[in-house]
Amino acid sequence: MKAIIVSVTLLFFSGFFSQVFGGPQASQELQRYLQQKEKEVRIQNAAFKGFSTQRGKLFYLSKQKHRKSGELRSCTTCHQVDPKTAGETHVGKPVEPIAPVANQTRFKDIEKIEKWFRRNCSWVLERPCTNQEKGDFITYLFSVQ
């Protein structure tokens, strides 16, 4: 029974991004990463129904007031409202587009994904991102056309 569930899950994720969104397809490594994040979310919340492009977009666009500086920060502070557009950091360094449709090198290396979640969640949210936020964020970005 477990083998059937795993097979169905892998089949679902293998075409999930390209079939549902018509955009680039996630690598097998990223699919496994998202499956692991989903398992971890379900352990904490049995009612979890899967990652959401809508929640991911809201997360991407939401602004947080920084406790010390008082400035408003969001993903769009560096990445722009349109994730297909290049941006720049608060110190002026260029940032390549974050949407996989515009930058096919994004989300290819799990270590880099985690590195940037650590840095950027800390800078924007002043806390680590949750597994659900990570999954929603990636799901949203793969939906961008």
N, C-alpha and C. Protein backbone atom coordinates (compact mmCIF):
# COMPACT_ATOMS: atom_id res chain seq x y z
N MET A 1 0.82 -1.19 0.00
CA MET A 1 0.00 0.00 0.00
C MET A 1 0.87 1.26 0.00
N LYS A 2 1.94 1.27 0.83
CA LYS A 2 2.83 2.42 0.87
C LYS A 2 3.48 2.66 -0.49
N ALA A 3 3.84 1.59 -1.17
CA ALA A 3 4.48 1.72 -2.48
C ALA A 3 3.53 2.39 -3.48
N ILE A 4 2.25 2.07 -3.40
CA ILE A 4 1.26 2.67 -4.29
C ILE A 4 1.14 4.16 -3.99
N ILE A 5 1.06 4.52 -2.73
CA ILE A 5 0.95 5.92 -2.33
C ILE A 5 2.18 6.69 -2.78
N VAL A 6 3.36 6.13 -2.57
CA VAL A 6 4.60 6.79 -3.00
C VAL A 6 4.61 6.95 -4.50
N SER A 7 4.21 5.92 -5.24
CA SER A 7 4.19 5.99 -6.71
C SER A 7 3.23 7.05 -7.20
N VAL A 8 2.05 7.10 -6.62
CA VAL A 8 1.06 8.10 -7.02
C VAL A 8 1.57 9.50 -6.69
N THR A 9 2.18 9.66 -5.52
CA THR A 9 2.73 10.96 -5.13
C THR A 9 3.83 11.39 -6.09
N LEU A 10 4.74 10.49 -6.43
CA LEU A 10 5.82 10.82 -7.36
C LEU A 10 5.27 11.15 -8.74
N LEU A 11 4.27 10.40 -9.18
CA LEU A 11 3.65 10.67 -10.47
C LEU A 11 3.01 12.06 -10.46
N PHE A 12 2.33 12.38 -9.38
CA PHE A 12 1.69 13.69 -9.25
C PHE A 12 2.73 14.80 -9.34
N PHE A 13 3.78 14.71 -8.53
CA PHE A 13 4.77 15.77 -8.51
C PHE A 13 5.60 15.83 -9.78
N SER A 14 5.79 14.72 -10.46
CA SER A 14 6.63 14.74 -11.66
C SER A 14 6.06 15.65 -12.74
N GLY A 15 4.75 15.75 -12.83
CA GLY A 15 4.16 16.62 -13.83
C GLY A 15 3.41 17.80 -13.25
N PHE A 16 3.43 17.92 -11.95
CA PHE A 16 2.66 18.94 -11.24
C PHE A 16 2.88 20.34 -11.78
N PHE A 17 4.11 20.79 -11.81
CA PHE A 17 4.38 22.17 -12.19
C PHE A 17 4.11 22.42 -13.67
N SER A 18 4.53 21.51 -14.52
CA SER A 18 4.36 21.75 -15.95
C SER A 18 2.91 21.57 -16.39
N GLN A 19 2.19 20.62 -15.83
CA GLN A 19 0.82 20.38 -16.27
C GLN A 19 -0.15 21.36 -15.66
N VAL A 20 -0.02 21.64 -14.38
CA VAL A 20 -0.96 22.52 -13.71
C VAL A 20 -0.71 23.97 -14.10
N PHE A 21 0.55 24.36 -14.15
CA PHE A 21 0.86 25.76 -14.38
C PHE A 21 1.35 26.05 -15.79
N GLY A 22 1.73 25.05 -16.55
CA GLY A 22 2.23 25.28 -17.89
C GLY A 22 3.61 25.91 -17.91
N GLY A 23 4.24 26.00 -16.77
CA GLY A 23 5.56 26.62 -16.68
C GLY A 23 6.65 25.58 -16.64
N PRO A 24 7.81 25.98 -16.16
CA PRO A 24 8.93 25.04 -16.10
C PRO A 24 8.64 23.91 -15.12
N GLN A 25 9.27 22.81 -15.35
CA GLN A 25 9.07 21.65 -14.48
C GLN A 25 10.15 21.63 -13.40
N ALA A 26 9.74 21.30 -12.20
CA ALA A 26 10.67 21.19 -11.09
C ALA A 26 11.53 19.95 -11.27
N SER A 27 12.78 20.05 -10.85
CA SER A 27 13.67 18.90 -10.90
C SER A 27 13.18 17.84 -9.92
N GLN A 28 13.66 16.62 -10.11
CA GLN A 28 13.29 15.55 -9.18
C GLN A 28 13.77 15.87 -7.77
N GLU A 29 14.93 16.49 -7.67
CA GLU A 29 15.46 16.87 -6.36
C GLU A 29 14.52 17.88 -5.68
N LEU A 30 14.04 18.86 -6.42
CA LEU A 30 13.12 19.85 -5.86
C LEU A 30 11.78 19.20 -5.53
N GLN A 31 11.32 18.27 -6.34
CA GLN A 31 10.09 17.56 -6.04
C GLN A 31 10.20 16.82 -4.72
N ARG A 32 11.33 16.14 -4.51
CA ARG A 32 11.55 15.42 -3.24
C ARG A 32 11.61 16.41 -2.08
N TYR A 33 12.25 17.54 -2.29
CA TYR A 33 12.33 18.59 -1.27
C TYR A 33 10.93 19.04 -0.87
N LEU A 34 10.09 19.31 -1.86
CA LEU A 34 8.72 19.76 -1.57
C LEU A 34 7.89 18.66 -0.91
N GLN A 35 8.10 17.42 -1.32
CA GLN A 35 7.40 16.30 -0.68
C GLN A 35 7.78 16.22 0.80
N GLN A 36 9.07 16.41 1.09
CA GLN A 36 9.52 16.37 2.48
C GLN A 36 8.91 17.53 3.28
N LYS A 37 8.88 18.71 2.69
CA LYS A 37 8.28 19.87 3.37
C LYS A 37 6.80 19.60 3.63
N GLU A 38 6.12 19.01 2.65
CA GLU A 38 4.70 18.71 2.83
C GLU A 38 4.50 17.70 3.97
N LYS A 39 5.33 16.68 4.03
CA LYS A 39 5.23 15.70 5.13
C LYS A 39 5.40 16.38 6.47
N GLU A 40 6.38 17.28 6.55
CA GLU A 40 6.65 17.98 7.81
C GLU A 40 5.49 18.89 8.20
N VAL A 41 4.85 19.53 7.22
CA VAL A 41 3.70 20.38 7.51
C VAL A 41 2.54 19.51 8.00
N ARG A 42 2.32 18.36 7.35
CA ARG A 42 1.22 17.47 7.74
C ARG A 42 1.40 16.91 9.16
N ILE A 43 2.63 16.74 9.60
CA ILE A 43 2.88 16.29 10.97
C ILE A 43 2.36 17.34 11.95
N GLN A 44 2.55 18.60 11.63
CA GLN A 44 2.11 19.69 12.49
C GLN A 44 0.64 20.04 12.30
N ASN A 45 0.10 19.75 11.11
CA ASN A 45 -1.27 20.14 10.78
C ASN A 45 -1.89 19.07 9.88
N ALA A 46 -2.61 18.16 10.48
CA ALA A 46 -3.21 17.05 9.73
C ALA A 46 -4.24 17.53 8.72
N ALA A 47 -4.78 18.72 8.89
CA ALA A 47 -5.78 19.26 7.97
C ALA A 47 -5.16 19.95 6.75
N PHE A 48 -3.84 20.01 6.69
CA PHE A 48 -3.15 20.67 5.58
C PHE A 48 -3.55 20.02 4.26
N LYS A 49 -3.92 20.84 3.28
CA LYS A 49 -4.42 20.33 2.01
C LYS A 49 -3.46 20.55 0.85
N GLY A 50 -2.25 20.92 1.13
CA GLY A 50 -1.26 21.10 0.07
C GLY A 50 -0.83 22.55 -0.07
N PHE A 51 0.25 22.74 -0.77
CA PHE A 51 0.79 24.07 -0.98
C PHE A 51 -0.13 24.86 -1.91
N SER A 52 -0.10 26.17 -1.75
CA SER A 52 -1.04 27.04 -2.45
C SER A 52 -0.32 28.16 -3.20
N THR A 53 -0.66 28.32 -4.46
CA THR A 53 -0.10 29.44 -5.22
C THR A 53 -0.61 30.76 -4.65
N GLN A 54 -1.86 30.79 -4.23
CA GLN A 54 -2.43 32.03 -3.69
C GLN A 54 -1.73 32.43 -2.39
N ARG A 55 -1.53 31.49 -1.48
CA ARG A 55 -0.81 31.81 -0.23
C ARG A 55 0.63 32.20 -0.55
N GLY A 56 1.23 31.52 -1.53
CA GLY A 56 2.60 31.84 -1.91
C GLY A 56 2.72 33.25 -2.46
N LYS A 57 1.75 33.66 -3.26
CA LYS A 57 1.77 35.02 -3.81
C LYS A 57 1.58 36.04 -2.69
N LEU A 58 0.64 35.79 -1.79
CA LEU A 58 0.43 36.70 -0.66
C LEU A 58 1.69 36.81 0.19
N PHE A 59 2.35 35.68 0.41
CA PHE A 59 3.60 35.68 1.18
C PHE A 59 4.65 36.51 0.47
N TYR A 60 4.79 36.32 -0.84
CA TYR A 60 5.78 37.03 -1.64
C TYR A 60 5.56 38.54 -1.60
N LEU A 61 4.31 38.97 -1.64
CA LEU A 61 3.99 40.39 -1.71
C LEU A 61 3.83 41.07 -0.36
N SER A 62 3.61 40.30 0.71
CA SER A 62 3.33 40.91 2.01
C SER A 62 4.53 41.67 2.55
N LYS A 63 4.23 42.78 3.21
CA LYS A 63 5.27 43.63 3.78
C LYS A 63 5.29 43.46 5.29
N GLN A 64 6.48 43.43 5.84
CA GLN A 64 6.70 43.28 7.27
C GLN A 64 7.45 44.50 7.79
N LYS A 65 7.02 45.03 8.91
CA LYS A 65 7.73 46.16 9.49
C LYS A 65 8.88 45.63 10.34
N HIS A 66 10.08 46.06 10.01
CA HIS A 66 11.28 45.64 10.73
C HIS A 66 11.28 46.27 12.12
N ARG A 67 11.56 45.45 13.14
CA ARG A 67 11.48 45.93 14.53
C ARG A 67 12.45 47.06 14.84
N LYS A 68 13.69 46.94 14.37
CA LYS A 68 14.70 47.95 14.71
C LYS A 68 14.64 49.17 13.80
N SER A 69 14.62 48.96 12.51
CA SER A 69 14.69 50.08 11.57
C SER A 69 13.33 50.72 11.29
N GLY A 70 12.25 49.95 11.49
CA GLY A 70 10.92 50.46 11.18
C GLY A 70 10.57 50.41 9.70
N GLU A 71 11.53 50.02 8.85
CA GLU A 71 11.26 49.98 7.42
C GLU A 71 10.39 48.79 7.06
N LEU A 72 9.62 48.95 5.98
CA LEU A 72 8.80 47.85 5.48
C LEU A 72 9.65 47.01 4.53
N ARG A 73 9.60 45.70 4.74
CA ARG A 73 10.37 44.77 3.91
C ARG A 73 9.46 43.68 3.39
N SER A 74 9.80 43.20 2.21
CA SER A 74 9.11 42.06 1.62
C SER A 74 10.05 41.41 0.63
N CYS A 75 9.63 40.31 0.05
CA CYS A 75 10.42 39.67 -1.01
C CYS A 75 10.63 40.66 -2.15
N THR A 76 9.60 41.50 -2.38
CA THR A 76 9.66 42.45 -3.48
C THR A 76 10.64 43.60 -3.24
N THR A 77 11.13 43.74 -2.03
CA THR A 77 12.12 44.77 -1.76
C THR A 77 13.34 44.58 -2.67
N CYS A 78 13.71 43.34 -2.90
CA CYS A 78 14.86 43.03 -3.77
C CYS A 78 14.43 42.41 -5.09
N HIS A 79 13.37 41.61 -5.08
CA HIS A 79 13.00 40.82 -6.26
C HIS A 79 11.97 41.47 -7.17
N GLN A 80 11.41 42.59 -6.82
CA GLN A 80 10.40 43.29 -7.62
C GLN A 80 9.04 42.60 -7.50
N VAL A 81 7.97 43.36 -7.77
CA VAL A 81 6.61 42.81 -7.71
C VAL A 81 6.45 41.71 -8.76
N ASP A 82 6.99 41.92 -9.94
CA ASP A 82 6.96 40.91 -10.99
C ASP A 82 8.19 40.03 -10.82
N PRO A 83 8.02 38.78 -10.36
CA PRO A 83 9.19 37.93 -10.10
C PRO A 83 9.97 37.53 -11.36
N LYS A 84 9.47 37.91 -12.53
CA LYS A 84 10.20 37.65 -13.78
C LYS A 84 11.20 38.76 -14.07
N THR A 85 11.19 39.79 -13.24
CA THR A 85 12.02 40.98 -13.44
C THR A 85 13.24 40.94 -12.54
N ALA A 86 14.36 41.36 -13.06
CA ALA A 86 15.57 41.47 -12.24
C ALA A 86 15.38 42.60 -11.23
N GLY A 87 16.03 42.45 -10.09
CA GLY A 87 15.94 43.47 -9.05
C GLY A 87 17.31 43.83 -8.54
N GLU A 88 17.32 44.37 -7.32
CA GLU A 88 18.61 44.63 -6.69
C GLU A 88 18.43 44.65 -5.18
N THR A 89 19.50 44.31 -4.48
CA THR A 89 19.46 44.27 -3.03
C THR A 89 19.41 45.69 -2.47
N HIS A 90 19.20 45.77 -1.17
CA HIS A 90 19.15 47.07 -0.51
C HIS A 90 20.49 47.80 -0.56
N VAL A 91 21.56 47.09 -0.90
CA VAL A 91 22.87 47.74 -1.05
C VAL A 91 23.26 47.90 -2.52
N GLY A 92 22.32 47.64 -3.44
CA GLY A 92 22.54 47.90 -4.85
C GLY A 92 23.11 46.78 -5.69
N LYS A 93 23.27 45.58 -5.12
CA LYS A 93 23.74 44.45 -5.91
C LYS A 93 22.61 43.91 -6.78
N PRO A 94 22.91 43.60 -8.05
CA PRO A 94 21.86 43.07 -8.92
C PRO A 94 21.38 41.69 -8.45
N VAL A 95 20.08 41.46 -8.66
CA VAL A 95 19.45 40.18 -8.32
C VAL A 95 18.75 39.68 -9.58
N GLU A 96 19.10 38.48 -10.00
CA GLU A 96 18.46 37.87 -11.17
C GLU A 96 16.99 37.60 -10.87
N PRO A 97 16.15 37.50 -11.88
CA PRO A 97 14.74 37.17 -11.65
C PRO A 97 14.62 35.89 -10.82
N ILE A 98 13.62 35.86 -9.97
CA ILE A 98 13.46 34.69 -9.09
C ILE A 98 12.49 33.66 -9.69
N ALA A 99 11.65 34.07 -10.62
CA ALA A 99 10.70 33.13 -11.23
C ALA A 99 11.44 32.18 -12.16
N PRO A 100 11.23 30.88 -12.00
CA PRO A 100 11.92 29.91 -12.86
C PRO A 100 11.65 30.10 -14.34
N VAL A 101 10.50 30.64 -14.71
CA VAL A 101 10.20 30.87 -16.12
C VAL A 101 11.16 31.90 -16.73
N ALA A 102 11.69 32.80 -15.91
CA ALA A 102 12.60 33.84 -16.39
C ALA A 102 14.06 33.54 -16.07
N ASN A 103 14.27 32.61 -15.15
CA ASN A 103 15.64 32.27 -14.72
C ASN A 103 15.67 30.78 -14.40
N GLN A 104 16.10 30.00 -15.35
CA GLN A 104 16.03 28.55 -15.20
C GLN A 104 17.05 27.97 -14.23
N THR A 105 17.94 28.79 -13.72
CA THR A 105 18.90 28.30 -12.73
C THR A 105 18.33 28.35 -11.31
N ARG A 106 17.20 29.03 -11.14
CA ARG A 106 16.58 29.10 -9.81
C ARG A 106 16.04 27.74 -9.39
N PHE A 107 16.15 27.45 -8.12
CA PHE A 107 15.58 26.25 -7.51
C PHE A 107 16.16 24.95 -8.06
N LYS A 108 17.42 24.99 -8.45
CA LYS A 108 18.10 23.79 -8.95
C LYS A 108 18.94 23.12 -7.86
N ASP A 109 19.37 23.88 -6.87
CA ASP A 109 20.29 23.39 -5.84
C ASP A 109 19.64 23.57 -4.47
N ILE A 110 19.31 22.46 -3.82
CA ILE A 110 18.59 22.50 -2.54
C ILE A 110 19.39 23.24 -1.47
N GLU A 111 20.71 23.06 -1.46
CA GLU A 111 21.52 23.78 -0.47
C GLU A 111 21.40 25.29 -0.65
N LYS A 112 21.41 25.74 -1.90
CA LYS A 112 21.25 27.18 -2.17
C LYS A 112 19.85 27.65 -1.79
N ILE A 113 18.86 26.83 -2.07
CA ILE A 113 17.48 27.18 -1.71
C ILE A 113 17.40 27.43 -0.21
N GLU A 114 17.92 26.49 0.57
CA GLU A 114 17.88 26.63 2.02
C GLU A 114 18.72 27.82 2.50
N LYS A 115 19.87 28.01 1.88
CA LYS A 115 20.73 29.16 2.24
C LYS A 115 19.96 30.47 2.07
N TRP A 116 19.30 30.63 0.91
CA TRP A 116 18.60 31.88 0.65
C TRP A 116 17.34 32.01 1.48
N PHE A 117 16.65 30.92 1.79
CA PHE A 117 15.53 31.01 2.72
C PHE A 117 16.04 31.48 4.08
N ARG A 118 17.16 30.91 4.56
CA ARG A 118 17.70 31.34 5.87
C ARG A 118 17.99 32.84 5.87
N ARG A 119 18.73 33.28 4.87
CA ARG A 119 19.12 34.70 4.82
C ARG A 119 17.92 35.62 4.63
N ASN A 120 17.11 35.32 3.64
CA ASN A 120 16.03 36.24 3.29
C ASN A 120 14.88 36.23 4.27
N CYS A 121 14.55 35.07 4.82
CA CYS A 121 13.49 35.02 5.83
C CYS A 121 13.92 35.79 7.07
N SER A 122 15.17 35.64 7.43
CA SER A 122 15.70 36.38 8.57
C SER A 122 15.66 37.89 8.30
N TRP A 123 16.03 38.31 7.10
CA TRP A 123 16.07 39.73 6.77
C TRP A 123 14.66 40.33 6.66
N VAL A 124 13.73 39.59 6.02
CA VAL A 124 12.37 40.11 5.82
C VAL A 124 11.49 39.89 7.04
N LEU A 125 11.47 38.66 7.55
CA LEU A 125 10.52 38.29 8.61
C LEU A 125 11.11 38.37 10.02
N GLU A 126 12.43 38.42 10.09
CA GLU A 126 13.15 38.38 11.37
C GLU A 126 12.89 37.06 12.11
N ARG A 127 12.71 36.01 11.32
CA ARG A 127 12.52 34.66 11.84
C ARG A 127 12.71 33.70 10.67
N PRO A 128 12.88 32.42 10.96
CA PRO A 128 12.95 31.43 9.86
C PRO A 128 11.58 31.29 9.19
N CYS A 129 11.57 30.97 7.92
CA CYS A 129 10.33 30.65 7.22
C CYS A 129 9.86 29.27 7.68
N THR A 130 8.55 29.09 7.70
CA THR A 130 8.01 27.77 8.01
C THR A 130 8.09 26.90 6.76
N ASN A 131 7.93 25.61 6.94
CA ASN A 131 7.91 24.69 5.80
C ASN A 131 6.74 25.00 4.87
N GLN A 132 5.62 25.39 5.42
CA GLN A 132 4.47 25.74 4.57
C GLN A 132 4.78 26.99 3.77
N GLU A 133 5.39 27.99 4.37
CA GLU A 133 5.75 29.20 3.64
C GLU A 133 6.71 28.88 2.50
N LYS A 134 7.68 28.02 2.77
CA LYS A 134 8.64 27.63 1.73
C LYS A 134 7.93 26.94 0.56
N GLY A 135 7.07 25.98 0.88
CA GLY A 135 6.36 25.25 -0.17
C GLY A 135 5.41 26.14 -0.95
N ASP A 136 4.68 27.01 -0.26
CA ASP A 136 3.76 27.93 -0.93
C ASP A 136 4.54 28.89 -1.83
N PHE A 137 5.64 29.40 -1.34
CA PHE A 137 6.49 30.34 -2.08
C PHE A 137 6.99 29.71 -3.38
N ILE A 138 7.55 28.52 -3.27
CA ILE A 138 8.07 27.84 -4.46
C ILE A 138 6.93 27.50 -5.42
N THR A 139 5.81 27.03 -4.90
CA THR A 139 4.66 26.71 -5.74
C THR A 139 4.18 27.94 -6.50
N TYR A 140 4.11 29.07 -5.81
CA TYR A 140 3.71 30.31 -6.48
C TYR A 140 4.70 30.66 -7.60
N LEU A 141 5.98 30.63 -7.31
CA LEU A 141 6.96 31.04 -8.31
C LEU A 141 6.95 30.14 -9.54
N PHE A 142 6.66 28.85 -9.35
CA PHE A 142 6.57 27.95 -10.51
C PHE A 142 5.26 28.18 -11.30
N SER A 143 4.30 28.89 -10.70
CA SER A 143 3.05 29.17 -11.42
C SER A 143 3.16 30.42 -12.29
N VAL A 144 4.16 31.23 -12.05
CA VAL A 144 4.31 32.49 -12.78
C VAL A 144 4.62 32.20 -14.25
N GLN A 145 3.87 32.83 -15.11
CA GLN A 145 4.04 32.66 -16.57
C GLN A 145 4.74 33.85 -17.17
